[in-house]
C-alpha atoms as a PDB file:
ATOM      1  CA  UNK A   1       0.000   0.000   0.000  1.00  0.00           C
ATOM      2  CA  UNK A   2       2.575   2.563   1.068  1.00  0.00           C
ATOM      3  CA  UNK A   3       5.492   0.694  -0.456  1.00  0.00           C
ATOM      4  CA  UNK A   4       7.179   0.176   2.905  1.00  0.00           C
ATOM      5  CA  UNK A   5       7.574  -3.583   2.378  1.00  0.00           C
ATOM      6  CA  UNK A   6       8.383  -3.582  -1.338  1.00  0.00           C
ATOM      7  CA  UNK A   7      11.913  -4.786  -0.584  1.00  0.00           C
ATOM      8  CA  UNK A   8      10.437  -8.087   0.608  1.00  0.00           C
ATOM      9  CA  UNK A   9       9.253  -8.952  -2.893  1.00  0.00           C
ATOM     10  CA  UNK A  10      12.505  -8.056  -4.633  1.00  0.00           C
ATOM     11  CA  UNK A  11      14.529 -11.140  -5.677  1.00  0.00           C
ATOM     12  CA  UNK A  12      17.827  -9.427  -4.782  1.00  0.00           C
ATOM     13  CA  UNK A  13      17.392  -9.105  -1.019  1.00  0.00           C
ATOM     14  CA  UNK A  14      17.271 -12.587   0.468  1.00  0.00           C
ATOM     15  CA  UNK A  15      18.823 -11.490   3.788  1.00  0.00           C
ATOM     16  CA  UNK A  16      16.162  -8.821   4.309  1.00  0.00           C
ATOM     17  CA  UNK A  17      13.484 -11.404   3.596  1.00  0.00           C
ATOM     18  CA  UNK A  18      14.989 -13.798   6.156  1.00  0.00           C
ATOM     19  CA  UNK A  19      15.131 -11.065   8.806  1.00  0.00           C
ATOM     20  CA  UNK A  20      11.505 -10.127   8.136  1.00  0.00           C
ATOM     21  CA  UNK A  21      10.355 -13.740   8.313  1.00  0.00           C
ATOM     22  CA  UNK A  22      12.278 -14.058  11.570  1.00  0.00           C
ATOM     23  CA  UNK A  23       9.699 -11.744  13.180  1.00  0.00           C
ATOM     24  CA  UNK A  24       6.918 -14.187  12.316  1.00  0.00           C
ATOM     25  CA  UNK A  25       8.575 -16.747  14.592  1.00  0.00           C
ATOM     26  CA  UNK A  26      10.029 -14.531  17.314  1.00  0.00           C
ATOM     27  CA  UNK A  27       6.913 -12.530  18.208  1.00  0.00           C
ATOM     28  CA  UNK A  28       4.697 -15.542  19.039  1.00  0.00           C
ATOM     29  CA  UNK A  29       7.554 -17.230  20.931  1.00  0.00           C
ATOM     30  CA  UNK A  30       8.111 -14.129  23.068  1.00  0.00           C
ATOM     31  CA  UNK A  31       4.367 -13.764  23.618  1.00  0.00           C
ATOM     32  CA  UNK A  32       4.166 -17.378  24.794  1.00  0.00           C
ATOM     33  CA  UNK A  33       7.274 -16.973  26.971  1.00  0.00           C
ATOM     34  CA  UNK A  34       5.775 -13.978  28.768  1.00  0.00           C
ATOM     35  CA  UNK A  35       2.713 -16.080  29.587  1.00  0.00           C
ATOM     36  CA  UNK A  36       4.724 -19.079  30.810  1.00  0.00           C
ATOM     37  CA  UNK A  37       7.357 -17.113  32.733  1.00  0.00           C
ATOM     38  CA  UNK A  38       4.785 -14.807  34.361  1.00  0.00           C
ATOM     39  CA  UNK A  39       6.721 -11.768  33.148  1.00  0.00           C
ATOM     40  CA  UNK A  40       5.617  -8.457  34.636  1.00  0.00           C
ATOM     41  CA  UNK A  41       3.837  -7.051  31.591  1.00  0.00           C
ATOM     42  CA  UNK A  42       2.818  -3.654  32.954  1.00  0.00           C
ATOM     43  CA  UNK A  43       6.208  -2.053  32.320  1.00  0.00           C
ATOM     44  CA  UNK A  44       7.162  -3.755  29.065  1.00  0.00           C
ATOM     45  CA  UNK A  45       6.241  -0.675  27.079  1.00  0.00           C
ATOM     46  CA  UNK A  46       9.042   1.222  28.840  1.00  0.00           C
ATOM     47  CA  UNK A  47      11.563  -1.319  27.569  1.00  0.00           C
ATOM     48  CA  UNK A  48      10.118  -0.929  24.068  1.00  0.00           C
ATOM     49  CA  UNK A  49      10.468   2.860  24.192  1.00  0.00           C
ATOM     50  CA  UNK A  50      14.064   2.553  25.403  1.00  0.00           C
ATOM     51  CA  UNK A  51      14.761   0.053  22.611  1.00  0.00           C
ATOM     52  CA  UNK A  52      13.307   2.447  20.020  1.00  0.00           C
ATOM     53  CA  UNK A  53      15.490   5.317  21.194  1.00  0.00           C
ATOM     54  CA  UNK A  54      18.621   3.145  21.179  1.00  0.00           C
ATOM     55  CA  UNK A  55      17.868   1.739  17.708  1.00  0.00           C
ATOM     56  CA  UNK A  56      17.204   5.239  16.361  1.00  0.00           C
ATOM     57  CA  UNK A  57      20.419   6.677  17.802  1.00  0.00           C
ATOM     58  CA  UNK A  58      22.590   3.734  16.717  1.00  0.00           C
ATOM     59  CA  UNK A  59      21.122   3.775  13.231  1.00  0.00           C
ATOM     60  CA  UNK A  60      21.765   7.509  12.865  1.00  0.00           C
ATOM     61  CA  UNK A  61      25.258   7.126  14.279  1.00  0.00           C
ATOM     62  CA  UNK A  62      26.456   4.141  12.245  1.00  0.00           C
ATOM     63  CA  UNK A  63      24.595   4.265   8.932  1.00  0.00           C
ATOM     64  CA  UNK A  64      24.489   6.560   5.967  1.00  0.00           C
ATOM     65  CA  UNK A  65      21.418   8.486   4.803  1.00  0.00           C
ATOM     66  CA  UNK A  66      21.902   6.796   1.425  1.00  0.00           C
ATOM     67  CA  UNK A  67      20.811   3.400   2.769  1.00  0.00           C
ATOM     68  CA  UNK A  68      18.151   4.800   5.145  1.00  0.00           C
ATOM     69  CA  UNK A  69      18.140   1.801   7.489  1.00  0.00           C
ATOM     70  CA  UNK A  70      15.026   1.691   9.727  1.00  0.00           C
ATOM     71  CA  UNK A  71      13.678   4.672   7.770  1.00  0.00           C
ATOM     72  CA  UNK A  72      15.338   7.067  10.235  1.00  0.00           C
ATOM     73  CA  UNK A  73      16.488   9.578   7.640  1.00  0.00           C
ATOM     74  CA  UNK A  74      13.478   9.675   5.351  1.00  0.00           C
ATOM     75  CA  UNK A  75      10.145   7.965   4.781  1.00  0.00           C
ATOM     76  CA  UNK A  76      10.602   4.537   3.174  1.00  0.00           C
ATOM     77  CA  UNK A  77       7.287   4.477   1.351  1.00  0.00           C
ATOM     78  CA  UNK A  78       6.203   5.453  -2.111  1.00  0.00           C
ATOM     79  CA  UNK A  79       5.489   9.106  -1.430  1.00  0.00           C
ATOM     80  CA  UNK A  80       7.781  11.818  -0.141  1.00  0.00           C
ATOM     81  CA  UNK A  81       7.551  13.515   3.227  1.00  0.00           C
ATOM     82  CA  UNK A  82       9.604  16.635   2.567  1.00  0.00           C
ATOM     83  CA  UNK A  83       9.972  17.982   6.102  1.00  0.00           C
ATOM     84  CA  UNK A  84      13.545  17.078   7.082  1.00  0.00           C
ATOM     85  CA  UNK A  85      13.517  18.923  10.398  1.00  0.00           C
ATOM     86  CA  UNK A  86      10.194  17.490  11.532  1.00  0.00           C
ATOM     87  CA  UNK A  87      10.699  13.938  10.220  1.00  0.00           C
ATOM     88  CA  UNK A  88      12.433  12.680  13.421  1.00  0.00           C
ATOM     89  CA  UNK A  89       9.388  13.837  15.391  1.00  0.00           C
ATOM     90  CA  UNK A  90       7.124  12.003  12.941  1.00  0.00           C
ATOM     91  CA  UNK A  91       9.331   8.890  13.197  1.00  0.00           C
ATOM     92  CA  UNK A  92       9.139   8.858  17.006  1.00  0.00           C
ATOM     93  CA  UNK A  93       5.412   9.625  17.010  1.00  0.00           C
ATOM     94  CA  UNK A  94       4.709   6.679  14.707  1.00  0.00           C
ATOM     95  CA  UNK A  95       7.057   4.420  16.687  1.00  0.00           C
ATOM     96  CA  UNK A  96       5.412   5.374  20.004  1.00  0.00           C
ATOM     97  CA  UNK A  97       2.002   4.826  18.443  1.00  0.00           C
ATOM     98  CA  UNK A  98       3.065   1.325  17.368  1.00  0.00           C
ATOM     99  CA  UNK A  99       4.226   0.543  20.925  1.00  0.00           C
ATOM    100  CA  UNK A 100       0.960   1.864  22.388  1.00  0.00           C
ATOM    101  CA  UNK A 101      -1.264  -0.045  19.955  1.00  0.00           C
ATOM    102  CA  UNK A 102       0.769  -3.231  20.496  1.00  0.00           C
ATOM    103  CA  UNK A 103       0.414  -2.816  24.258  1.00  0.00           C
ATOM    104  CA  UNK A 104      -3.352  -2.433  23.964  1.00  0.00           C
ATOM    105  CA  UNK A 105      -3.596  -5.556  21.796  1.00  0.00           C
ATOM    106  CA  UNK A 106      -1.437  -7.581  24.188  1.00  0.00           C
ATOM    107  CA  UNK A 107      -3.403  -6.414  27.236  1.00  0.00           C
ATOM    108  CA  UNK A 108      -6.658  -7.505  25.582  1.00  0.00           C
ATOM    109  CA  UNK A 109      -5.176 -10.886  24.628  1.00  0.00           C
ATOM    110  CA  UNK A 110      -3.655 -11.445  28.076  1.00  0.00           C
ATOM    111  CA  UNK A 111      -6.921 -10.616  29.819  1.00  0.00           C
ATOM    112  CA  UNK A 112      -8.798 -13.110  27.655  1.00  0.00           C
ATOM    113  CA  UNK A 113      -6.190 -15.839  28.102  1.00  0.00           C
ATOM    114  CA  UNK A 114      -5.716 -15.397  31.845  1.00  0.00           C
ATOM    115  CA  UNK A 115      -9.398 -15.407  32.813  1.00  0.00           C
END
């Protein structure tokens, strides 16, 4: 739709495809592990926010704008967002929104499973 995952369908990037498919396995395993290990789920969002900040800073520090890893320099989709000074704010806003929505989904699932 937005072109964010177009790389996945390119025959040249097998490693990127493997990394993306890795998430299909890791997310359910971690979800199951948090249920089995009785992990304190209330503060997990804080770890996610910290992880986002670290990933953003490391990506900006160690990669070039030409490769645009993790879309930290510019929007990775099909259309342009030509606001270079505001784009980091947009990136963090979208990332925080993803963490919040994921937390809501997990809370709903946990409540249904733990009843």
